């Protein structure tokens, strides 16, 4: 598998994990957690969002070079 395909796969996997985490955060179980755990999960969510932005920027840059 080429590195572009690996990059796309990585982005898609992170997006999938982020989607599941975001659904968990708005769900009933999240409310039962202690404040520190909630805080850490929100931080993780934000970092995952940032990571996806960076992966998308890398893909856009790669695609621009291919044109």
N, C-alpha and C. Protein backbone atom coordinates (compact mmCIF):
# COMPACT_ATOMS: atom_id res chain seq x y z
N UNK A 1 0.86 -1.17 0.00
CA UNK A 1 0.00 0.00 0.00
C UNK A 1 0.90 1.24 0.00
N UNK A 2 0.61 2.17 -0.89
CA UNK A 2 1.39 3.40 -0.97
C UNK A 2 1.13 4.32 0.21
N UNK A 3 2.01 5.29 0.39
CA UNK A 3 1.88 6.15 1.57
C UNK A 3 0.67 7.05 1.50
N UNK A 4 0.22 7.44 0.29
CA UNK A 4 -1.01 8.24 0.18
C UNK A 4 -2.21 7.43 0.66
N UNK A 5 -2.27 6.17 0.27
CA UNK A 5 -3.37 5.31 0.71
C UNK A 5 -3.32 5.10 2.21
N UNK A 6 -2.10 4.96 2.76
CA UNK A 6 -1.96 4.81 4.21
C UNK A 6 -2.42 6.07 4.94
N UNK A 7 -2.12 7.23 4.35
CA UNK A 7 -2.54 8.50 4.94
C UNK A 7 -4.07 8.61 4.94
N UNK A 8 -4.68 8.23 3.84
CA UNK A 8 -6.15 8.25 3.76
C UNK A 8 -6.75 7.27 4.76
N UNK A 9 -6.16 6.08 4.85
CA UNK A 9 -6.64 5.07 5.80
C UNK A 9 -6.52 5.59 7.23
N UNK A 10 -5.40 6.20 7.55
CA UNK A 10 -5.18 6.78 8.89
C UNK A 10 -6.25 7.83 9.20
N UNK A 11 -6.47 8.73 8.24
CA UNK A 11 -7.47 9.79 8.44
C UNK A 11 -8.85 9.19 8.67
N UNK A 12 -9.22 8.21 7.87
CA UNK A 12 -10.53 7.59 7.99
C UNK A 12 -10.69 6.85 9.32
N UNK A 13 -9.63 6.18 9.77
CA UNK A 13 -9.69 5.48 11.06
C UNK A 13 -9.81 6.45 12.23
N UNK A 14 -9.05 7.53 12.17
CA UNK A 14 -9.13 8.54 13.24
C UNK A 14 -10.52 9.18 13.24
N UNK A 15 -11.05 9.45 12.04
CA UNK A 15 -12.39 10.04 11.96
C UNK A 15 -13.43 9.10 12.55
N UNK A 16 -13.30 7.83 12.28
CA UNK A 16 -14.23 6.85 12.83
C UNK A 16 -14.15 6.82 14.36
N UNK A 17 -12.93 6.82 14.89
CA UNK A 17 -12.77 6.83 16.36
C UNK A 17 -13.31 8.13 16.96
N UNK A 18 -13.08 9.24 16.26
CA UNK A 18 -13.60 10.53 16.74
C UNK A 18 -15.12 10.53 16.74
N UNK A 19 -15.72 9.99 15.70
CA UNK A 19 -17.19 9.91 15.64
C UNK A 19 -17.74 9.11 16.82
N UNK A 20 -17.08 7.99 17.13
CA UNK A 20 -17.54 7.17 18.26
C UNK A 20 -17.35 7.90 19.59
N UNK A 21 -16.21 8.58 19.74
CA UNK A 21 -15.97 9.33 20.97
C UNK A 21 -16.98 10.46 21.12
N UNK A 22 -17.24 11.18 20.04
CA UNK A 22 -18.20 12.29 20.09
C UNK A 22 -19.60 11.80 20.45
N UNK A 23 -19.99 10.66 19.91
CA UNK A 23 -21.29 10.07 20.25
C UNK A 23 -21.33 9.68 21.73
N UNK A 24 -20.22 9.14 22.22
CA UNK A 24 -20.15 8.76 23.63
C UNK A 24 -20.28 10.00 24.53
N UNK A 25 -19.63 11.08 24.15
CA UNK A 25 -19.63 12.30 24.97
C UNK A 25 -21.03 12.88 25.12
N UNK A 26 -21.85 12.76 24.10
CA UNK A 26 -23.22 13.30 24.22
C UNK A 26 -24.19 12.26 24.78
N UNK A 27 -23.70 11.07 25.06
CA UNK A 27 -24.56 9.99 25.54
C UNK A 27 -24.74 9.98 27.05
N UNK A 28 -25.58 9.10 27.48
CA UNK A 28 -25.96 8.97 28.88
C UNK A 28 -24.78 8.53 29.76
N UNK A 29 -23.96 7.63 29.29
CA UNK A 29 -22.86 7.09 30.10
C UNK A 29 -21.82 8.16 30.45
N UNK A 30 -21.61 9.10 29.56
CA UNK A 30 -20.61 10.15 29.79
C UNK A 30 -20.94 10.94 31.06
N UNK A 31 -22.21 11.22 31.26
CA UNK A 31 -22.65 12.01 32.42
C UNK A 31 -22.28 11.33 33.74
N UNK A 32 -22.12 10.03 33.74
CA UNK A 32 -21.82 9.29 34.97
C UNK A 32 -20.34 9.34 35.34
N UNK A 33 -19.50 9.81 34.44
CA UNK A 33 -18.06 9.82 34.69
C UNK A 33 -17.67 10.97 35.62
N UNK A 34 -16.52 10.81 36.28
CA UNK A 34 -16.02 11.90 37.13
C UNK A 34 -15.51 13.04 36.25
N UNK A 35 -15.41 14.21 36.83
CA UNK A 35 -15.06 15.42 36.09
C UNK A 35 -13.70 15.32 35.40
N UNK A 36 -12.72 14.72 36.06
CA UNK A 36 -11.38 14.61 35.47
C UNK A 36 -11.41 13.75 34.20
N UNK A 37 -12.13 12.65 34.26
CA UNK A 37 -12.24 11.78 33.09
C UNK A 37 -12.97 12.49 31.96
N UNK A 38 -14.04 13.19 32.28
CA UNK A 38 -14.77 13.97 31.26
C UNK A 38 -13.85 14.99 30.60
N UNK A 39 -13.09 15.66 31.43
CA UNK A 39 -12.17 16.67 30.93
C UNK A 39 -11.13 16.07 29.99
N UNK A 40 -10.57 14.95 30.39
CA UNK A 40 -9.57 14.27 29.56
C UNK A 40 -10.16 13.81 28.23
N UNK A 41 -11.37 13.31 28.25
CA UNK A 41 -12.01 12.86 27.01
C UNK A 41 -12.30 14.04 26.09
N UNK A 42 -12.68 15.17 26.64
CA UNK A 42 -12.91 16.37 25.82
C UNK A 42 -11.60 16.86 25.21
N UNK A 43 -10.53 16.81 25.99
CA UNK A 43 -9.21 17.17 25.45
C UNK A 43 -8.84 16.22 24.32
N UNK A 44 -9.03 14.94 24.54
CA UNK A 44 -8.73 13.94 23.51
C UNK A 44 -9.54 14.23 22.25
N UNK A 45 -10.80 14.55 22.41
CA UNK A 45 -11.66 14.85 21.27
C UNK A 45 -11.10 16.04 20.47
N UNK A 46 -10.70 17.08 21.15
CA UNK A 46 -10.14 18.25 20.48
C UNK A 46 -8.85 17.93 19.74
N UNK A 47 -8.00 17.14 20.37
CA UNK A 47 -6.74 16.76 19.73
C UNK A 47 -6.97 15.89 18.49
N UNK A 48 -7.95 15.01 18.58
CA UNK A 48 -8.27 14.17 17.43
C UNK A 48 -8.80 15.03 16.28
N UNK A 49 -9.61 16.04 16.60
CA UNK A 49 -10.10 16.96 15.58
C UNK A 49 -8.94 17.69 14.91
N UNK A 50 -8.00 18.15 15.71
CA UNK A 50 -6.82 18.83 15.17
C UNK A 50 -6.00 17.90 14.29
N UNK A 51 -5.85 16.66 14.72
CA UNK A 51 -5.08 15.68 13.96
C UNK A 51 -5.72 15.45 12.59
N UNK A 52 -7.03 15.35 12.56
CA UNK A 52 -7.73 15.16 11.29
C UNK A 52 -7.53 16.36 10.37
N UNK A 53 -7.55 17.56 10.94
CA UNK A 53 -7.29 18.76 10.14
C UNK A 53 -5.91 18.67 9.49
N UNK A 54 -4.91 18.27 10.27
CA UNK A 54 -3.55 18.16 9.75
C UNK A 54 -3.46 17.09 8.66
N UNK A 55 -4.08 15.95 8.89
CA UNK A 55 -4.07 14.89 7.88
C UNK A 55 -4.73 15.37 6.59
N UNK A 56 -5.84 16.09 6.71
CA UNK A 56 -6.51 16.62 5.52
C UNK A 56 -5.65 17.67 4.80
N UNK A 57 -4.95 18.49 5.55
CA UNK A 57 -4.05 19.46 4.95
C UNK A 57 -2.94 18.76 4.17
N UNK A 58 -2.40 17.70 4.74
CA UNK A 58 -1.35 16.94 4.05
C UNK A 58 -1.89 16.32 2.77
N UNK A 59 -3.10 15.78 2.82
CA UNK A 59 -3.70 15.19 1.63
C UNK A 59 -3.98 16.25 0.56
N UNK A 60 -4.49 17.41 0.96
CA UNK A 60 -4.74 18.49 0.02
C UNK A 60 -3.44 18.93 -0.66
N UNK A 61 -2.41 19.04 0.12
CA UNK A 61 -1.11 19.45 -0.42
C UNK A 61 -0.58 18.41 -1.41
N UNK A 62 -0.74 17.15 -1.07
CA UNK A 62 -0.32 16.07 -1.95
C UNK A 62 -1.11 16.10 -3.26
N UNK A 63 -2.41 16.28 -3.15
CA UNK A 63 -3.26 16.31 -4.34
C UNK A 63 -2.94 17.52 -5.22
N UNK A 64 -2.59 18.64 -4.62
CA UNK A 64 -2.23 19.83 -5.39
C UNK A 64 -0.95 19.59 -6.18
N UNK A 65 -0.02 18.85 -5.59
CA UNK A 65 1.23 18.54 -6.27
C UNK A 65 1.02 17.57 -7.43
N UNK A 66 -0.01 16.73 -7.33
CA UNK A 66 -0.28 15.75 -8.37
C UNK A 66 -0.89 16.39 -9.61
N UNK A 67 -1.53 17.54 -9.43
CA UNK A 67 -2.19 18.23 -10.57
C UNK A 67 -1.22 18.93 -11.47
